[in-house]
């Protein structure tokens, strides 16, 4: 298990990385660096992603647990 300080440092690093990515992407969108998606280009993608996530969650819950410890 990750210690308290290491966990806090990992979480903080991840949040900083996400903030930097968000800032750079937003600035790139403002100056027109990214192409615009055509209308309807992502039609029903959320339905397929949600269905795949639900199936993955169902499989994870239905499969039996491992008898050996994962860490250590």
PDB file of N, CA and C in Angstrom:
ATOM      1  N   UNK A   1       0.845  -1.181   0.000  1.00  0.00           N
ATOM      2  CA  UNK A   1       0.000   0.000   0.000  1.00  0.00           C
ATOM      3  C   UNK A   1       0.888   1.242   0.000  1.00  0.00           C
ATOM      4  N   UNK A   2       0.457   2.236  -0.687  1.00  0.00           N
ATOM      5  CA  UNK A   2       1.224   3.473  -0.772  1.00  0.00           C
ATOM      6  C   UNK A   2       1.056   4.249   0.526  1.00  0.00           C
ATOM      7  N   UNK A   3       2.165   4.796   1.054  1.00  0.00           N
ATOM      8  CA  UNK A   3       2.118   5.579   2.282  1.00  0.00           C
ATOM      9  C   UNK A   3       1.345   6.870   2.097  1.00  0.00           C
ATOM     10  N   UNK A   4       1.009   7.506   3.211  1.00  0.00           N
ATOM     11  CA  UNK A   4       0.206   8.723   3.175  1.00  0.00           C
ATOM     12  C   UNK A   4       0.862   9.861   2.415  1.00  0.00           C
ATOM     13  N   UNK A   5       2.156  10.080   2.648  1.00  0.00           N
ATOM     14  CA  UNK A   5       2.843  11.180   1.957  1.00  0.00           C
ATOM     15  C   UNK A   5       3.026  10.873   0.481  1.00  0.00           C
ATOM     16  N   UNK A   6       3.349   9.613   0.171  1.00  0.00           N
ATOM     17  CA  UNK A   6       3.530   9.241  -1.234  1.00  0.00           C
ATOM     18  C   UNK A   6       2.214   9.324  -1.991  1.00  0.00           C
ATOM     19  N   UNK A   7       1.137   8.921  -1.339  1.00  0.00           N
ATOM     20  CA  UNK A   7      -0.178   9.001  -1.967  1.00  0.00           C
ATOM     21  C   UNK A   7      -0.558  10.454  -2.221  1.00  0.00           C
ATOM     22  N   UNK A   8      -0.335  11.311  -1.240  1.00  0.00           N
ATOM     23  CA  UNK A   8      -0.655  12.734  -1.400  1.00  0.00           C
ATOM     24  C   UNK A   8       0.177  13.348  -2.520  1.00  0.00           C
ATOM     25  N   UNK A   9       1.458  12.976  -2.600  1.00  0.00           N
ATOM     26  CA  UNK A   9       2.318  13.509  -3.662  1.00  0.00           C
ATOM     27  C   UNK A   9       1.856  13.015  -5.030  1.00  0.00           C
ATOM     28  N   UNK A  10       1.442  11.748  -5.118  1.00  0.00           N
ATOM     29  CA  UNK A  10       0.965  11.204  -6.388  1.00  0.00           C
ATOM     30  C   UNK A  10      -0.330  11.885  -6.823  1.00  0.00           C
ATOM     31  N   UNK A  11      -1.236  12.096  -5.877  1.00  0.00           N
ATOM     32  CA  UNK A  11      -2.506  12.759  -6.194  1.00  0.00           C
ATOM     33  C   UNK A  11      -2.257  14.199  -6.621  1.00  0.00           C
ATOM     34  N   UNK A  12      -1.403  14.898  -5.894  1.00  0.00           N
ATOM     35  CA  UNK A  12      -1.092  16.282  -6.245  1.00  0.00           C
ATOM     36  C   UNK A  12      -0.429  16.367  -7.614  1.00  0.00           C
ATOM     37  N   UNK A  13       0.500  15.469  -7.886  1.00  0.00           N
ATOM     38  CA  UNK A  13       1.149  15.448  -9.197  1.00  0.00           C
ATOM     39  C   UNK A  13       0.158  15.181 -10.315  1.00  0.00           C
ATOM     40  N   UNK A  14      -0.769  14.253 -10.090  1.00  0.00           N
ATOM     41  CA  UNK A  14      -1.783  13.966 -11.095  1.00  0.00           C
ATOM     42  C   UNK A  14      -2.709  15.142 -11.346  1.00  0.00           C
ATOM     43  N   UNK A  15      -3.090  15.827 -10.285  1.00  0.00           N
ATOM     44  CA  UNK A  15      -3.953  17.004 -10.440  1.00  0.00           C
ATOM     45  C   UNK A  15      -3.236  18.137 -11.163  1.00  0.00           C
ATOM     46  N   UNK A  16      -1.958  18.329 -10.857  1.00  0.00           N
ATOM     47  CA  UNK A  16      -1.186  19.361 -11.557  1.00  0.00           C
ATOM     48  C   UNK A  16      -1.039  19.020 -13.036  1.00  0.00           C
ATOM     49  N   UNK A  17      -0.788  17.756 -13.343  1.00  0.00           N
ATOM     50  CA  UNK A  17      -0.667  17.331 -14.736  1.00  0.00           C
ATOM     51  C   UNK A  17      -1.991  17.540 -15.474  1.00  0.00           C
ATOM     52  N   UNK A  18      -3.103  17.217 -14.841  1.00  0.00           N
ATOM     53  CA  UNK A  18      -4.416  17.415 -15.444  1.00  0.00           C
ATOM     54  C   UNK A  18      -4.691  18.899 -15.682  1.00  0.00           C
ATOM     55  N   UNK A  19      -4.329  19.746 -14.719  1.00  0.00           N
ATOM     56  CA  UNK A  19      -4.532  21.189 -14.870  1.00  0.00           C
ATOM     57  C   UNK A  19      -3.686  21.738 -16.012  1.00  0.00           C
ATOM     58  N   UNK A  20      -2.443  21.283 -16.128  1.00  0.00           N
ATOM     59  CA  UNK A  20      -1.571  21.745 -17.215  1.00  0.00           C
ATOM     60  C   UNK A  20      -2.119  21.301 -18.566  1.00  0.00           C
ATOM     61  N   UNK A  21      -2.539  20.053 -18.666  1.00  0.00           N
ATOM     62  CA  UNK A  21      -3.115  19.558 -19.917  1.00  0.00           C
ATOM     63  C   UNK A  21      -4.367  20.349 -20.284  1.00  0.00           C
ATOM     64  N   UNK A  22      -5.231  20.586 -19.302  1.00  0.00           N
ATOM     65  CA  UNK A  22      -6.462  21.325 -19.559  1.00  0.00           C
ATOM     66  C   UNK A  22      -6.171  22.740 -20.045  1.00  0.00           C
ATOM     67  N   UNK A  23      -5.196  23.386 -19.410  1.00  0.00           N
ATOM     68  CA  UNK A  23      -4.824  24.743 -19.813  1.00  0.00           C
ATOM     69  C   UNK A  23      -4.290  24.762 -21.239  1.00  0.00           C
ATOM     70  N   UNK A  24      -3.369  23.850 -21.555  1.00  0.00           N
ATOM     71  CA  UNK A  24      -2.791  23.824 -22.900  1.00  0.00           C
ATOM     72  C   UNK A  24      -3.844  23.486 -23.953  1.00  0.00           C
ATOM     73  N   UNK A  25      -4.719  22.550 -23.660  1.00  0.00           N
ATOM     74  CA  UNK A  25      -5.756  22.200 -24.620  1.00  0.00           C
ATOM     75  C   UNK A  25      -6.724  23.363 -24.827  1.00  0.00           C
ATOM     76  N   UNK A  26      -7.104  24.032 -23.742  1.00  0.00           N
ATOM     77  CA  UNK A  26      -8.028  25.167 -23.858  1.00  0.00           C
ATOM     78  C   UNK A  26      -7.408  26.304 -24.653  1.00  0.00           C
ATOM     79  N   UNK A  27      -6.134  26.594 -24.396  1.00  0.00           N
ATOM     80  CA  UNK A  27      -5.455  27.640 -25.164  1.00  0.00           C
ATOM     81  C   UNK A  27      -5.351  27.256 -26.636  1.00  0.00           C
ATOM     82  N   UNK A  28      -5.047  26.001 -26.913  1.00  0.00           N
ATOM     83  CA  UNK A  28      -4.983  25.544 -28.299  1.00  0.00           C
ATOM     84  C   UNK A  28      -6.325  25.639 -28.994  1.00  0.00           C
ATOM     85  N   UNK A  29      -7.396  25.371 -28.282  1.00  0.00           N
ATOM     86  CA  UNK A  29      -8.729  25.483 -28.863  1.00  0.00           C
ATOM     87  C   UNK A  29      -9.077  26.937 -29.154  1.00  0.00           C
ATOM     88  N   UNK A  30      -8.656  27.837 -28.269  1.00  0.00           N
ATOM     89  CA  UNK A  30      -8.943  29.265 -28.472  1.00  0.00           C
ATOM     90  C   UNK A  30      -8.248  29.815 -29.720  1.00  0.00           C
ATOM     91  N   UNK A  31      -7.041  29.353 -30.005  1.00  0.00           N
ATOM     92  CA  UNK A  31      -6.313  29.879 -31.169  1.00  0.00           C
ATOM     93  C   UNK A  31      -6.587  29.071 -32.431  1.00  0.00           C
ATOM     94  N   UNK A  32      -7.429  28.033 -32.322  1.00  0.00           N
ATOM     95  CA  UNK A  32      -7.801  27.254 -33.496  1.00  0.00           C
ATOM     96  C   UNK A  32      -6.796  26.181 -33.871  1.00  0.00           C
ATOM     97  N   UNK A  33      -6.037  25.683 -32.918  1.00  0.00           N
ATOM     98  CA  UNK A  33      -5.028  24.663 -33.210  1.00  0.00           C
ATOM     99  C   UNK A  33      -5.652  23.295 -33.469  1.00  0.00           C
ATOM    100  N   UNK A  34      -6.836  23.042 -32.935  1.00  0.00           N
ATOM    101  CA  UNK A  34      -7.465  21.733 -33.092  1.00  0.00           C
ATOM    102  C   UNK A  34      -8.573  21.835 -34.136  1.00  0.00           C
ATOM    103  N   UNK A  35      -8.706  20.846 -34.992  1.00  0.00           N
ATOM    104  CA  UNK A  35      -9.790  20.885 -35.986  1.00  0.00           C
ATOM    105  C   UNK A  35     -11.149  20.696 -35.314  1.00  0.00           C
ATOM    106  N   UNK A  36     -12.151  21.305 -35.899  1.00  0.00           N
ATOM    107  CA  UNK A  36     -13.514  21.180 -35.370  1.00  0.00           C
ATOM    108  C   UNK A  36     -14.135  19.877 -35.864  1.00  0.00           C
ATOM    109  N   UNK A  37     -14.827  19.188 -34.980  1.00  0.00           N
ATOM    110  CA  UNK A  37     -15.507  17.948 -35.358  1.00  0.00           C
ATOM    111  C   UNK A  37     -16.762  18.292 -36.159  1.00  0.00           C
ATOM    112  N   UNK A  38     -17.059  17.503 -37.183  1.00  0.00           N
ATOM    113  CA  UNK A  38     -18.278  17.770 -37.949  1.00  0.00           C
ATOM    114  C   UNK A  38     -19.511  17.480 -37.101  1.00  0.00           C
ATOM    115  N   UNK A  39     -20.627  18.158 -37.391  1.00  0.00           N
ATOM    116  CA  UNK A  39     -21.851  17.892 -36.635  1.00  0.00           C
ATOM    117  C   UNK A  39     -22.256  16.422 -36.765  1.00  0.00           C
ATOM    118  N   UNK A  40     -22.538  15.801 -35.640  1.00  0.00           N
ATOM    119  CA  UNK A  40     -22.915  14.391 -35.637  1.00  0.00           C
ATOM    120  C   UNK A  40     -21.741  13.437 -35.745  1.00  0.00           C
ATOM    121  N   UNK A  41     -20.529  13.953 -35.665  1.00  0.00           N
ATOM    122  CA  UNK A  41     -19.346  13.104 -35.802  1.00  0.00           C
ATOM    123  C   UNK A  41     -19.167  12.130 -34.659  1.00  0.00           C
ATOM    124  N   UNK A  42     -19.677  12.469 -33.494  1.00  0.00           N
ATOM    125  CA  UNK A  42     -19.551  11.602 -32.322  1.00  0.00           C
ATOM    126  C   UNK A  42     -20.910  11.065 -31.877  1.00  0.00           C
ATOM    127  N   UNK A  43     -21.801  10.890 -32.834  1.00  0.00           N
ATOM    128  CA  UNK A  43     -23.151  10.437 -32.524  1.00  0.00           C
ATOM    129  C   UNK A  43     -23.120   9.061 -31.857  1.00  0.00           C
ATOM    130  N   UNK A  44     -23.776   8.930 -30.735  1.00  0.00           N
ATOM    131  CA  UNK A  44     -23.947   7.686 -29.978  1.00  0.00           C
ATOM    132  C   UNK A  44     -22.661   7.132 -29.382  1.00  0.00           C
ATOM    133  N   UNK A  45     -21.569   7.882 -29.389  1.00  0.00           N
ATOM    134  CA  UNK A  45     -20.328   7.399 -28.776  1.00  0.00           C
ATOM    135  C   UNK A  45     -20.527   7.216 -27.274  1.00  0.00           C
ATOM    136  N   UNK A  46     -21.268   8.127 -26.641  1.00  0.00           N
ATOM    137  CA  UNK A  46     -21.495   8.001 -25.197  1.00  0.00           C
ATOM    138  C   UNK A  46     -22.275   6.738 -24.854  1.00  0.00           C
ATOM    139  N   UNK A  47     -23.191   6.331 -25.723  1.00  0.00           N
ATOM    140  CA  UNK A  47     -23.943   5.106 -25.470  1.00  0.00           C
ATOM    141  C   UNK A  47     -23.041   3.878 -25.533  1.00  0.00           C
ATOM    142  N   UNK A  48     -22.165   3.831 -26.538  1.00  0.00           N
ATOM    143  CA  UNK A  48     -21.264   2.689 -26.672  1.00  0.00           C
ATOM    144  C   UNK A  48     -20.243   2.656 -25.542  1.00  0.00           C
ATOM    145  N   UNK A  49     -19.729   3.804 -25.149  1.00  0.00           N
ATOM    146  CA  UNK A  49     -18.758   3.852 -24.046  1.00  0.00           C
ATOM    147  C   UNK A  49     -19.419   3.446 -22.731  1.00  0.00           C
ATOM    148  N   UNK A  50     -20.629   3.904 -22.493  1.00  0.00           N
ATOM    149  CA  UNK A  50     -21.350   3.519 -21.285  1.00  0.00           C
ATOM    150  C   UNK A  50     -21.676   2.036 -21.261  1.00  0.00           C
ATOM    151  N   UNK A  51     -22.054   1.489 -22.405  1.00  0.00           N
ATOM    152  CA  UNK A  51     -22.344   0.059 -22.485  1.00  0.00           C
ATOM    153  C   UNK A  51     -21.086  -0.762 -22.215  1.00  0.00           C
ATOM    154  N   UNK A  52     -19.956  -0.367 -22.812  1.00  0.00           N
ATOM    155  CA  UNK A  52     -18.698  -1.088 -22.589  1.00  0.00           C
ATOM    156  C   UNK A  52     -18.276  -0.993 -21.124  1.00  0.00           C
ATOM    157  N   UNK A  53     -18.449   0.173 -20.515  1.00  0.00           N
ATOM    158  CA  UNK A  53     -18.117   0.330 -19.100  1.00  0.00           C
ATOM    159  C   UNK A  53     -19.007  -0.513 -18.207  1.00  0.00           C
ATOM    160  N   UNK A  54     -20.291  -0.594 -18.533  1.00  0.00           N
ATOM    161  CA  UNK A  54     -21.214  -1.411 -17.741  1.00  0.00           C
ATOM    162  C   UNK A  54     -20.871  -2.890 -17.854  1.00  0.00           C
ATOM    163  N   UNK A  55     -20.513  -3.343 -19.039  1.00  0.00           N
ATOM    164  CA  UNK A  55     -20.115  -4.744 -19.224  1.00  0.00           C
ATOM    165  C   UNK A  55     -18.837  -5.032 -18.450  1.00  0.00           C
ATOM    166  N   UNK A  56     -17.856  -4.124 -18.505  1.00  0.00           N
ATOM    167  CA  UNK A  56     -16.605  -4.320 -17.764  1.00  0.00           C
ATOM    168  C   UNK A  56     -16.863  -4.375 -16.259  1.00  0.00           C
ATOM    169  N   UNK A  57     -17.729  -3.508 -15.760  1.00  0.00           N
ATOM    170  CA  UNK A  57     -18.069  -3.523 -14.338  1.00  0.00           C
ATOM    171  C   UNK A  57     -18.785  -4.815 -13.961  1.00  0.00           C
ATOM    172  N   UNK A  58     -19.699  -5.264 -14.795  1.00  0.00           N
ATOM    173  CA  UNK A  58     -20.406  -6.512 -14.531  1.00  0.00           C
ATOM    174  C   UNK A  58     -19.440  -7.694 -14.488  1.00  0.00           C
ATOM    175  N   UNK A  59     -18.512  -7.747 -15.433  1.00  0.00           N
ATOM    176  CA  UNK A  59     -17.524  -8.829 -15.447  1.00  0.00           C
ATOM    177  C   UNK A  59     -16.659  -8.773 -14.195  1.00  0.00           C
ATOM    178  N   UNK A  60     -16.240  -7.579 -13.801  1.00  0.00           N
ATOM    179  CA  UNK A  60     -15.400  -7.442 -12.606  1.00  0.00           C
ATOM    180  C   UNK A  60     -16.143  -7.874 -11.347  1.00  0.00           C
ATOM    181  N   UNK A  61     -17.438  -7.644 -11.290  1.00  0.00           N
ATOM    182  CA  UNK A  61     -18.210  -8.025 -10.110  1.00  0.00           C
ATOM    183  C   UNK A  61     -18.586  -9.505 -10.099  1.00  0.00           C
ATOM    184  N   UNK A  62     -18.750 -10.106 -11.265  1.00  0.00           N
ATOM    185  CA  UNK A  62     -19.189 -11.495 -11.348  1.00  0.00           C
ATOM    186  C   UNK A  62     -18.025 -12.475 -11.216  1.00  0.00           C
ATOM    187  N   UNK A  63     -16.859 -12.135 -11.736  1.00  0.00           N
ATOM    188  CA  UNK A  63     -15.722 -13.053 -11.671  1.00  0.00           C
ATOM    189  C   UNK A  63     -15.328 -13.307 -10.223  1.00  0.00           C
ATOM    190  N   UNK A  64     -14.904 -14.540  -9.916  1.00  0.00           N
ATOM    191  CA  UNK A  64     -14.482 -14.829  -8.536  1.00  0.00           C
ATOM    192  C   UNK A  64     -13.197 -14.087  -8.182  1.00  0.00           C
ATOM    193  N   UNK A  65     -13.045 -13.807  -6.901  1.00  0.00           N
ATOM    194  CA  UNK A  65     -11.850 -13.104  -6.436  1.00  0.00           C
ATOM    195  C   UNK A  65     -10.650 -14.031  -6.491  1.00  0.00           C
ATOM    196  N   UNK A  66      -9.471 -13.434  -6.658  1.00  0.00           N
ATOM    197  CA  UNK A  66      -8.234 -14.207  -6.647  1.00  0.00           C
ATOM    198  C   UNK A  66      -7.960 -14.693  -5.233  1.00  0.00           C
ATOM    199  N   UNK A  67      -7.376 -15.886  -5.134  1.00  0.00           N
ATOM    200  CA  UNK A  67      -7.062 -16.410  -3.808  1.00  0.00           C
ATOM    201  C   UNK A  67      -5.700 -15.933  -3.320  1.00  0.00           C
ATOM    202  N   UNK A  68      -4.866 -15.436  -4.230  1.00  0.00           N
ATOM    203  CA  UNK A  68      -3.551 -14.936  -3.837  1.00  0.00           C
ATOM    204  C   UNK A  68      -3.604 -13.425  -3.718  1.00  0.00           C
ATOM    205  N   UNK A  69      -2.835 -12.855  -2.816  1.00  0.00           N
ATOM    206  CA  UNK A  69      -2.823 -11.392  -2.692  1.00  0.00           C
ATOM    207  C   UNK A  69      -2.206 -10.744  -3.926  1.00  0.00           C
ATOM    208  N   UNK A  70      -2.728  -9.600  -4.299  1.00  0.00           N
ATOM    209  CA  UNK A  70      -2.226  -8.905  -5.487  1.00  0.00           C
ATOM    210  C   UNK A  70      -0.895  -8.228  -5.238  1.00  0.00           C
ATOM    211  N   UNK A  71      -0.686  -7.716  -4.046  1.00  0.00           N
ATOM    212  CA  UNK A  71       0.550  -7.007  -3.720  1.00  0.00           C
ATOM    213  C   UNK A  71       1.208  -7.716  -2.552  1.00  0.00           C
ATOM    214  N   UNK A  72       2.490  -7.978  -2.705  1.00  0.00           N
ATOM    215  CA  UNK A  72       3.227  -8.532  -1.580  1.00  0.00           C
ATOM    216  C   UNK A  72       3.448  -9.956  -1.620  1.00  0.00           C
TER     217      UNK A  72
END
